[in-house]
Amino acid sequence: MSRQIVEIETKTFVRFWLVILGIGLIIFLVVKASQALAIIGIAALLAIAIRPLALKVDQLIGKKTESRLASVLAYIIVLLVIAAVVAAIAPVIITEFAKFISAFPETVKNADLTALNDVAKSVGIENFSVQIVESIEDFSKSILSSFGTGVVSGISLLGGIIGKAAITLVLTLFFLLDGPALMESFWSKLGAKRTKNDLKEEKDPDVRATTEARVIVRKMSHVVSTFFAKQVTVAIMDGCFTAMSVLILSSIFGVGAHLAIPMGLITMVFYLIPMFGQVIGGGIVTLLLAFNNPLMAILWLAIYVIYAAIEVNGIAPKIQGNALNLRPVIILIAMIIGTYMFGLFGAIIAIPIAGCIKVLIEEYPTIRTIRA
């Protein structure tokens, strides 16, 4: 009798540690493959976000069902837009920053620093303004000279980022082309019906469960696509307002009108980051405008703050329609987690992921009823 008890306890002990080792192995493999899983997840989200555009393209070319040609055209449109935005923004930011760093010492040298010299002289510092100008000149030269070195040292890092981005974009295209067919085949093999209305006379609990799962996945996909579509719509409006306001102020203050479109693109891109994106984009535009005319920058910032208040409280809610219906604290928590996990892109995708989790929570009572 005692021997049998020992055998049972030994088996339980072995099973316990096998389970622990199995869980540890799974965690280890997930951590090792975290970058690959992140790329797959991001590509899937991008494919879901682009799919409504593909359906629009289908409507334009006169097809009622989704075609592979429409998916390719939608994908090319998105790539061209991204390339155009980067090509318009990057040179302006680099040029304006370099111009400001080069001209700043001369600006300080020409400024009237008599009062500052008098204050410095009272504490025993002679030629204080000259020392400031020399320090600024040395600092500017060091920044400009180290810029090329920084670019060279960052090539390997940039190469890694470009490599991951290329893999993500290629995978996104494959998801766009083969994703719908793969999902349809998957649900068909599980025996899932298309909608809940098809379950009126269905008594098989497995079919009911798989159909409910299919409906939940469809709702989650709709949440993701709706969020990105409406966020992009409001971002475009934000960018158009910035471009028009900068163009008008440029004509008033005699600043080059070439800044209008890049500044609009900056606010448009950063608006895609929920909650804080509008502040970051507005701050960058204000700084770049200040390099050319500080008074113009201050006036633009005042105008933009008024527009942002109208947009947040009036325009955006009407367009977005509170699609996700998430409380601000949930959005903030999701953004913090997303940012720490995947950086800037994580902040963007965190909100739709939180929306998907909300769908699961809402559908949980139905799932529980089916399982019962």
Protein backbone atom coordinates (compact mmCIF):
# COMPACT_ATOMS: atom_id res chain seq x y z
CA MET A 1 0.00 0.00 0.00
CA SER A 2 2.76 2.44 0.97
CA ARG A 3 4.69 1.54 -2.21
CA GLN A 4 1.66 2.49 -4.34
CA ILE A 5 1.37 5.88 -2.55
CA VAL A 6 5.04 6.58 -3.24
CA GLU A 7 4.57 5.75 -6.95
CA ILE A 8 1.58 8.11 -7.22
CA GLU A 9 3.47 10.89 -5.47
CA THR A 10 6.47 10.36 -7.76
CA LYS A 11 4.30 10.60 -10.88
CA THR A 12 2.65 13.75 -9.57
CA PHE A 13 6.05 15.22 -8.78
CA VAL A 14 7.39 14.41 -12.27
CA ARG A 15 4.27 15.79 -13.97
CA PHE A 16 4.46 18.99 -11.94
CA TRP A 17 8.03 19.67 -12.96
CA LEU A 18 7.35 18.71 -16.56
CA VAL A 19 4.57 21.29 -16.63
CA ILE A 20 6.87 23.90 -15.07
CA LEU A 21 9.63 23.08 -17.58
CA GLY A 22 7.12 23.19 -20.43
CA ILE A 23 5.84 26.61 -19.38
CA GLY A 24 9.41 27.86 -18.95
CA LEU A 25 10.36 26.55 -22.40
CA ILE A 26 7.36 28.27 -23.99
CA ILE A 27 8.23 31.57 -22.28
CA PHE A 28 11.86 31.20 -23.38
CA LEU A 29 10.85 30.56 -27.00
CA VAL A 30 8.39 33.48 -27.00
CA VAL A 31 11.07 35.84 -25.61
CA LYS A 32 13.61 34.62 -28.18
CA ALA A 33 11.09 35.05 -30.98
CA SER A 34 9.61 38.31 -29.62
CA GLN A 35 10.95 40.43 -32.48
CA ALA A 36 9.64 38.00 -35.08
CA LEU A 37 6.25 37.84 -33.35
CA ALA A 38 6.16 41.63 -33.16
CA ILE A 39 6.85 41.88 -36.90
CA ILE A 40 4.09 39.36 -37.65
CA GLY A 41 1.63 41.18 -35.39
CA ILE A 42 2.43 44.60 -36.87
CA ALA A 43 2.13 43.25 -40.41
CA ALA A 44 -1.26 41.72 -39.59
CA LEU A 45 -2.51 45.01 -38.12
CA LEU A 46 -1.27 46.94 -41.16
CA ALA A 47 -3.01 44.49 -43.50
CA ILE A 48 -6.27 44.90 -41.57
CA ALA A 49 -5.87 48.70 -41.67
CA ILE A 50 -5.22 48.73 -45.45
CA ARG A 51 -8.03 46.29 -46.31
CA PRO A 52 -10.84 48.94 -46.29
CA LEU A 53 -8.81 50.91 -48.85
CA ALA A 54 -8.59 47.78 -50.98
CA LEU A 55 -12.38 47.42 -50.82
CA LYS A 56 -12.73 51.07 -51.92
CA VAL A 57 -10.40 50.40 -54.85
CA ASP A 58 -12.57 47.41 -55.79
CA GLN A 59 -15.62 49.67 -55.86
CA LEU A 60 -13.80 52.18 -58.07
CA ILE A 61 -12.82 49.53 -60.61
CA GLY A 62 -16.35 48.12 -60.57
CA LYS A 63 -15.91 44.85 -58.69
CA LYS A 64 -18.23 43.75 -55.92
CA THR A 65 -15.86 41.24 -54.31
CA GLU A 66 -12.36 41.79 -53.01
CA SER A 67 -9.69 41.15 -55.65
CA ARG A 68 -5.94 40.64 -55.42
CA LEU A 69 -5.41 43.52 -57.87
CA ALA A 70 -7.21 45.93 -55.52
CA SER A 71 -5.07 44.74 -52.60
CA VAL A 72 -1.87 45.36 -54.58
CA LEU A 73 -3.05 48.81 -55.72
CA ALA A 74 -4.04 49.79 -52.16
CA TYR A 75 -0.67 48.57 -50.89
CA ILE A 76 1.20 50.59 -53.55
CA ILE A 77 -0.84 53.70 -52.71
CA VAL A 78 0.08 53.43 -49.02
CA LEU A 79 3.78 52.89 -49.82
CA LEU A 80 3.84 55.89 -52.16
CA VAL A 81 2.19 58.08 -49.53
CA ILE A 82 4.70 57.01 -46.86
CA ALA A 83 7.63 57.59 -49.23
CA ALA A 84 6.31 61.02 -50.23
CA VAL A 85 5.83 62.07 -46.59
CA VAL A 86 9.35 61.00 -45.60
CA ALA A 87 10.86 62.67 -48.69
CA ALA A 88 9.04 65.92 -47.91
CA ILE A 89 9.71 66.07 -44.17
CA ALA A 90 13.26 64.77 -43.66
CA PRO A 91 15.20 67.29 -45.86
CA VAL A 92 13.33 70.27 -44.38
CA ILE A 93 14.00 69.25 -40.77
CA ILE A 94 17.71 68.60 -41.45
CA THR A 95 18.14 71.80 -43.48
CA GLU A 96 16.34 74.07 -41.02
CA PHE A 97 18.20 72.62 -38.04
CA ALA A 98 21.61 72.94 -39.75
CA LYS A 99 20.78 76.49 -40.90
CA PHE A 100 19.80 77.50 -37.38
CA ILE A 101 22.93 76.01 -35.81
CA SER A 102 25.12 77.79 -38.39
CA ALA A 103 23.40 81.18 -38.05
CA PHE A 104 22.86 81.21 -34.29
CA PRO A 105 26.38 82.40 -33.31
CA GLU A 106 26.11 85.35 -35.75
CA THR A 107 22.67 86.22 -34.34
CA VAL A 108 24.03 86.30 -30.81
CA LYS A 109 27.05 88.33 -31.93
CA ASN A 110 24.83 90.99 -33.51
CA ALA A 111 22.48 91.16 -30.52
CA ASP A 112 22.76 94.03 -28.03
CA LEU A 113 24.24 92.40 -24.91
CA THR A 114 25.31 95.62 -23.14
CA ALA A 115 23.01 95.00 -20.16
CA LEU A 116 24.30 91.45 -19.83
CA ASN A 117 27.91 92.69 -19.92
CA ASP A 118 27.19 95.23 -17.21
CA VAL A 119 25.70 92.56 -14.94
CA ALA A 120 28.67 90.26 -15.57
CA LYS A 121 31.13 93.11 -14.95
CA SER A 122 29.56 93.77 -11.55
CA VAL A 123 30.54 90.23 -10.46
CA GLY A 124 34.03 90.48 -11.94
CA ILE A 125 33.56 88.88 -15.39
CA GLU A 126 35.02 90.87 -18.30
CA ASN A 127 33.87 90.63 -21.94
CA PHE A 128 31.11 88.21 -21.01
CA SER A 129 29.32 88.58 -24.37
CA VAL A 130 32.53 87.72 -26.26
CA GLN A 131 32.96 84.56 -24.20
CA ILE A 132 29.33 83.56 -24.89
CA VAL A 133 29.73 84.05 -28.66
CA GLU A 134 32.99 82.07 -28.72
CA SER A 135 31.40 79.23 -26.74
CA ILE A 136 28.38 79.13 -29.05
CA GLU A 137 30.60 79.15 -32.14
CA ASP A 138 32.66 76.24 -30.79
CA PHE A 139 29.49 74.35 -29.89
CA SER A 140 27.95 74.92 -33.34
CA LYS A 141 31.13 73.80 -35.10
CA SER A 142 31.32 70.66 -32.97
CA ILE A 143 27.70 69.79 -33.73
CA LEU A 144 28.09 70.33 -37.48
CA SER A 145 31.39 68.43 -37.59
CA SER A 146 30.05 65.52 -35.56
CA PHE A 147 26.88 65.33 -37.65
CA GLY A 148 28.61 63.34 -40.38
CA THR A 149 30.26 61.07 -37.82
CA GLY A 150 26.88 60.46 -36.20
CA VAL A 151 25.37 59.58 -39.55
CA VAL A 152 28.14 57.08 -40.30
CA SER A 153 27.92 55.46 -36.86
CA GLY A 154 24.15 55.20 -37.21
CA ILE A 155 24.24 53.45 -40.58
CA SER A 156 24.32 49.97 -39.03
CA LEU A 157 21.41 50.81 -36.74
CA LEU A 158 19.51 52.36 -39.64
CA GLY A 159 20.24 49.28 -41.74
CA GLY A 160 18.71 47.03 -39.09
CA ILE A 161 15.60 49.20 -38.89
CA ILE A 162 15.24 49.27 -42.68
CA GLY A 163 15.65 45.49 -42.79
CA LYS A 164 12.90 44.92 -40.25
CA ALA A 165 10.67 47.47 -41.98
CA ALA A 166 11.20 45.71 -45.32
CA ILE A 167 10.27 42.33 -43.84
CA THR A 168 7.18 43.86 -42.23
CA LEU A 169 6.08 45.46 -45.51
CA VAL A 170 6.57 42.26 -47.50
CA LEU A 171 4.66 40.25 -44.90
CA THR A 172 1.90 42.88 -44.94
CA LEU A 173 1.49 42.38 -48.70
CA PHE A 174 1.24 38.61 -48.27
CA PHE A 175 -1.37 39.05 -45.54
CA LEU A 176 -3.34 41.34 -47.85
CA LEU A 177 -3.22 38.87 -50.72
CA ASP A 178 -3.64 35.56 -48.92
CA GLY A 179 -5.08 36.53 -45.54
CA PRO A 180 -8.81 36.52 -46.46
CA ALA A 181 -8.54 33.16 -48.27
CA LEU A 182 -6.56 31.60 -45.42
CA MET A 183 -9.09 32.78 -42.84
CA GLU A 184 -12.01 31.53 -44.93
CA SER A 185 -10.33 28.13 -45.28
CA PHE A 186 -9.57 28.04 -41.56
CA TRP A 187 -13.17 28.76 -40.51
CA SER A 188 -14.57 26.35 -43.10
CA LYS A 189 -12.47 23.50 -41.75
CA LEU A 190 -13.73 24.26 -38.26
CA GLY A 191 -17.29 24.19 -39.56
CA ALA A 192 -18.03 27.78 -38.50
CA LYS A 193 -21.00 29.57 -40.03
CA ARG A 194 -20.65 33.09 -41.44
CA THR A 195 -23.02 34.88 -39.04
CA LYS A 196 -25.04 34.18 -35.90
CA ASN A 197 -28.22 34.19 -38.02
CA ASP A 198 -27.04 30.93 -39.60
CA LEU A 199 -27.25 29.22 -36.18
CA LYS A 200 -31.04 29.33 -35.79
CA GLU A 201 -31.44 25.56 -36.16
CA GLU A 202 -27.90 24.56 -35.29
CA LYS A 203 -27.61 22.44 -32.14
CA ASP A 204 -23.97 21.33 -32.37
CA PRO A 205 -22.12 23.18 -29.57
CA ASP A 206 -18.81 23.05 -31.46
CA VAL A 207 -20.29 24.77 -34.51
CA ARG A 208 -21.90 27.39 -32.31
CA ALA A 209 -18.61 28.01 -30.50
CA THR A 210 -16.54 28.33 -33.70
CA THR A 211 -19.16 30.61 -35.25
CA GLU A 212 -19.07 32.85 -32.18
CA ALA A 213 -15.26 32.92 -32.42
CA ARG A 214 -15.53 33.90 -36.07
CA VAL A 215 -17.92 36.74 -35.23
CA ILE A 216 -15.58 37.98 -32.48
CA VAL A 217 -12.58 37.98 -34.84
CA ARG A 218 -14.62 39.90 -37.41
CA LYS A 219 -15.58 42.50 -34.78
CA MET A 220 -11.95 42.86 -33.71
CA SER A 221 -10.88 43.35 -37.33
CA HIS A 222 -13.58 46.00 -37.72
CA VAL A 223 -12.34 47.80 -34.59
CA VAL A 224 -8.77 47.96 -35.95
CA SER A 225 -9.73 49.12 -39.46
CA THR A 226 -12.25 51.67 -38.16
CA PHE A 227 -9.75 53.16 -35.71
CA PHE A 228 -7.02 53.62 -38.31
CA ALA A 229 -9.38 54.94 -40.99
CA LYS A 230 -10.89 57.59 -38.73
CA GLN A 231 -7.56 58.48 -37.15
CA VAL A 232 -6.06 59.04 -40.60
CA THR A 233 -9.06 61.16 -41.65
CA VAL A 234 -8.67 63.53 -38.69
CA ALA A 235 -4.87 63.55 -39.15
CA ILE A 236 -5.27 64.69 -42.77
CA MET A 237 -7.57 67.51 -41.64
CA ASP A 238 -5.03 68.52 -39.00
CA GLY A 239 -2.24 68.54 -41.57
CA CYS A 240 -4.29 70.59 -44.06
CA PHE A 241 -5.04 73.21 -41.41
CA THR A 242 -1.35 73.45 -40.49
CA ALA A 243 -0.27 73.79 -44.12
CA MET A 244 -2.85 76.51 -44.85
CA SER A 245 -2.10 78.49 -41.67
CA VAL A 246 1.68 78.33 -42.24
CA LEU A 247 1.19 79.39 -45.87
CA ILE A 248 -0.87 82.43 -44.85
CA LEU A 249 1.55 83.43 -42.08
CA SER A 250 4.50 82.97 -44.44
CA SER A 251 3.07 85.57 -46.81
CA ILE A 252 2.51 87.96 -43.88
CA PHE A 253 5.97 87.59 -42.32
CA GLY A 254 7.92 87.17 -45.54
CA VAL A 255 9.07 83.63 -44.79
CA GLY A 256 9.47 81.08 -47.58
CA ALA A 257 6.20 79.34 -48.46
CA HIS A 258 8.11 76.08 -49.03
CA LEU A 259 7.66 75.29 -45.32
CA ALA A 260 3.86 74.98 -45.54
CA ILE A 261 3.52 71.44 -46.90
CA PRO A 262 6.32 69.86 -44.76
CA MET A 263 4.89 71.46 -41.62
CA GLY A 264 1.43 70.13 -42.48
CA LEU A 265 2.85 66.65 -43.04
CA ILE A 266 4.62 66.76 -39.67
CA THR A 267 1.42 67.48 -37.73
CA MET A 268 -0.45 64.92 -39.83
CA VAL A 269 2.05 62.14 -39.08
CA PHE A 270 2.32 62.88 -35.37
CA TYR A 271 -1.45 63.13 -34.99
CA LEU A 272 -1.54 59.38 -35.65
CA ILE A 273 0.00 58.94 -32.19
CA PRO A 274 -3.00 58.98 -29.83
CA MET A 275 -3.30 61.62 -27.09
CA PHE A 276 0.23 63.10 -27.22
CA GLY A 277 0.88 63.14 -30.97
CA GLN A 278 -0.81 66.47 -31.58
CA VAL A 279 1.28 68.12 -28.86
CA ILE A 280 4.53 66.65 -30.21
CA GLY A 281 3.74 67.63 -33.80
CA GLY A 282 2.72 71.15 -32.82
CA GLY A 283 5.89 71.54 -30.76
CA ILE A 284 8.14 70.45 -33.64
CA VAL A 285 6.43 72.80 -36.11
CA THR A 286 6.67 75.69 -33.62
CA LEU A 287 10.39 75.05 -33.14
CA LEU A 288 11.09 74.86 -36.89
CA LEU A 289 9.11 78.05 -37.54
CA ALA A 290 10.98 79.78 -34.71
CA PHE A 291 14.25 79.11 -36.56
CA ASN A 292 12.92 81.43 -39.30
CA ASN A 293 10.76 83.93 -37.40
CA PRO A 294 10.05 83.64 -33.65
CA LEU A 295 7.03 85.98 -33.80
CA MET A 296 5.50 83.92 -36.59
CA ALA A 297 6.06 80.75 -34.55
CA ILE A 298 4.32 82.22 -31.49
CA LEU A 299 1.34 83.42 -33.56
CA TRP A 300 1.04 80.08 -35.31
CA LEU A 301 1.15 78.22 -31.98
CA ALA A 302 -1.68 80.39 -30.62
CA ILE A 303 -3.79 79.69 -33.72
CA TYR A 304 -3.01 75.97 -33.61
CA VAL A 305 -3.94 75.70 -29.92
CA ILE A 306 -7.36 77.20 -30.69
CA TYR A 307 -7.84 74.82 -33.63
CA ALA A 308 -6.69 71.83 -31.56
CA ALA A 309 -9.28 72.64 -28.88
CA ILE A 310 -12.03 72.82 -31.53
CA GLU A 311 -10.78 69.63 -33.17
CA VAL A 312 -10.54 67.59 -29.98
CA ASN A 313 -13.93 68.68 -28.64
CA GLY A 314 -15.91 69.00 -31.87
CA ILE A 315 -14.42 67.72 -35.12
CA ALA A 316 -12.66 64.53 -33.99
CA PRO A 317 -15.56 63.09 -31.91
CA LYS A 318 -17.98 63.56 -34.80
CA ILE A 319 -15.67 61.87 -37.33
CA GLN A 320 -14.39 59.14 -35.03
CA GLY A 321 -17.77 58.71 -33.37
CA ASN A 322 -16.14 57.29 -30.23
CA ALA A 323 -15.56 54.15 -32.26
CA LEU A 324 -13.69 52.29 -29.53
CA ASN A 325 -15.57 53.83 -26.58
CA LEU A 326 -12.55 53.51 -24.28
CA ARG A 327 -11.99 55.63 -21.19
CA PRO A 328 -8.95 57.97 -21.23
CA VAL A 329 -7.24 56.07 -18.39
CA ILE A 330 -7.46 52.81 -20.39
CA ILE A 331 -6.04 54.57 -23.45
CA LEU A 332 -3.17 55.99 -21.40
CA ILE A 333 -2.36 52.60 -19.83
CA ALA A 334 -2.45 50.93 -23.25
CA MET A 335 -0.15 53.58 -24.71
CA ILE A 336 2.38 53.25 -21.88
CA ILE A 337 2.52 49.47 -22.30
CA GLY A 338 2.71 49.74 -26.09
CA THR A 339 5.46 52.36 -25.97
CA TYR A 340 7.63 50.36 -23.58
CA MET A 341 7.17 47.19 -25.64
CA PHE A 342 7.48 48.46 -29.23
CA GLY A 343 8.42 52.13 -29.03
CA LEU A 344 6.65 54.75 -31.14
CA PHE A 345 4.78 52.23 -33.28
CA GLY A 346 3.65 50.48 -30.12
CA ALA A 347 1.96 53.69 -28.98
CA ILE A 348 0.02 53.79 -32.25
CA ILE A 349 -1.16 50.17 -32.25
CA ALA A 350 -1.85 50.03 -28.51
CA ILE A 351 -5.29 51.67 -28.81
CA PRO A 352 -6.80 49.26 -31.39
CA ILE A 353 -5.37 46.33 -29.43
CA ALA A 354 -7.10 47.67 -26.32
CA GLY A 355 -10.27 47.93 -28.40
CA CYS A 356 -9.92 44.25 -29.38
CA ILE A 357 -9.53 43.27 -25.73
CA LYS A 358 -12.69 45.24 -24.99
CA VAL A 359 -14.53 43.19 -27.63
CA LEU A 360 -13.38 39.97 -25.96
CA ILE A 361 -14.59 41.20 -22.57
CA GLU A 362 -17.97 42.19 -24.00
CA GLU A 363 -18.39 38.84 -25.74
CA TYR A 364 -17.28 36.79 -22.74
CA PRO A 365 -20.84 36.21 -21.40
CA THR A 366 -21.85 34.77 -24.78
CA ILE A 367 -18.76 32.54 -24.86
CA ARG A 368 -19.50 31.34 -21.34
CA THR A 369 -23.10 30.53 -22.27
CA ILE A 370 -22.00 28.46 -25.26
CA ARG A 371 -19.44 26.55 -23.20
CA ALA A 372 -22.07 25.83 -20.56
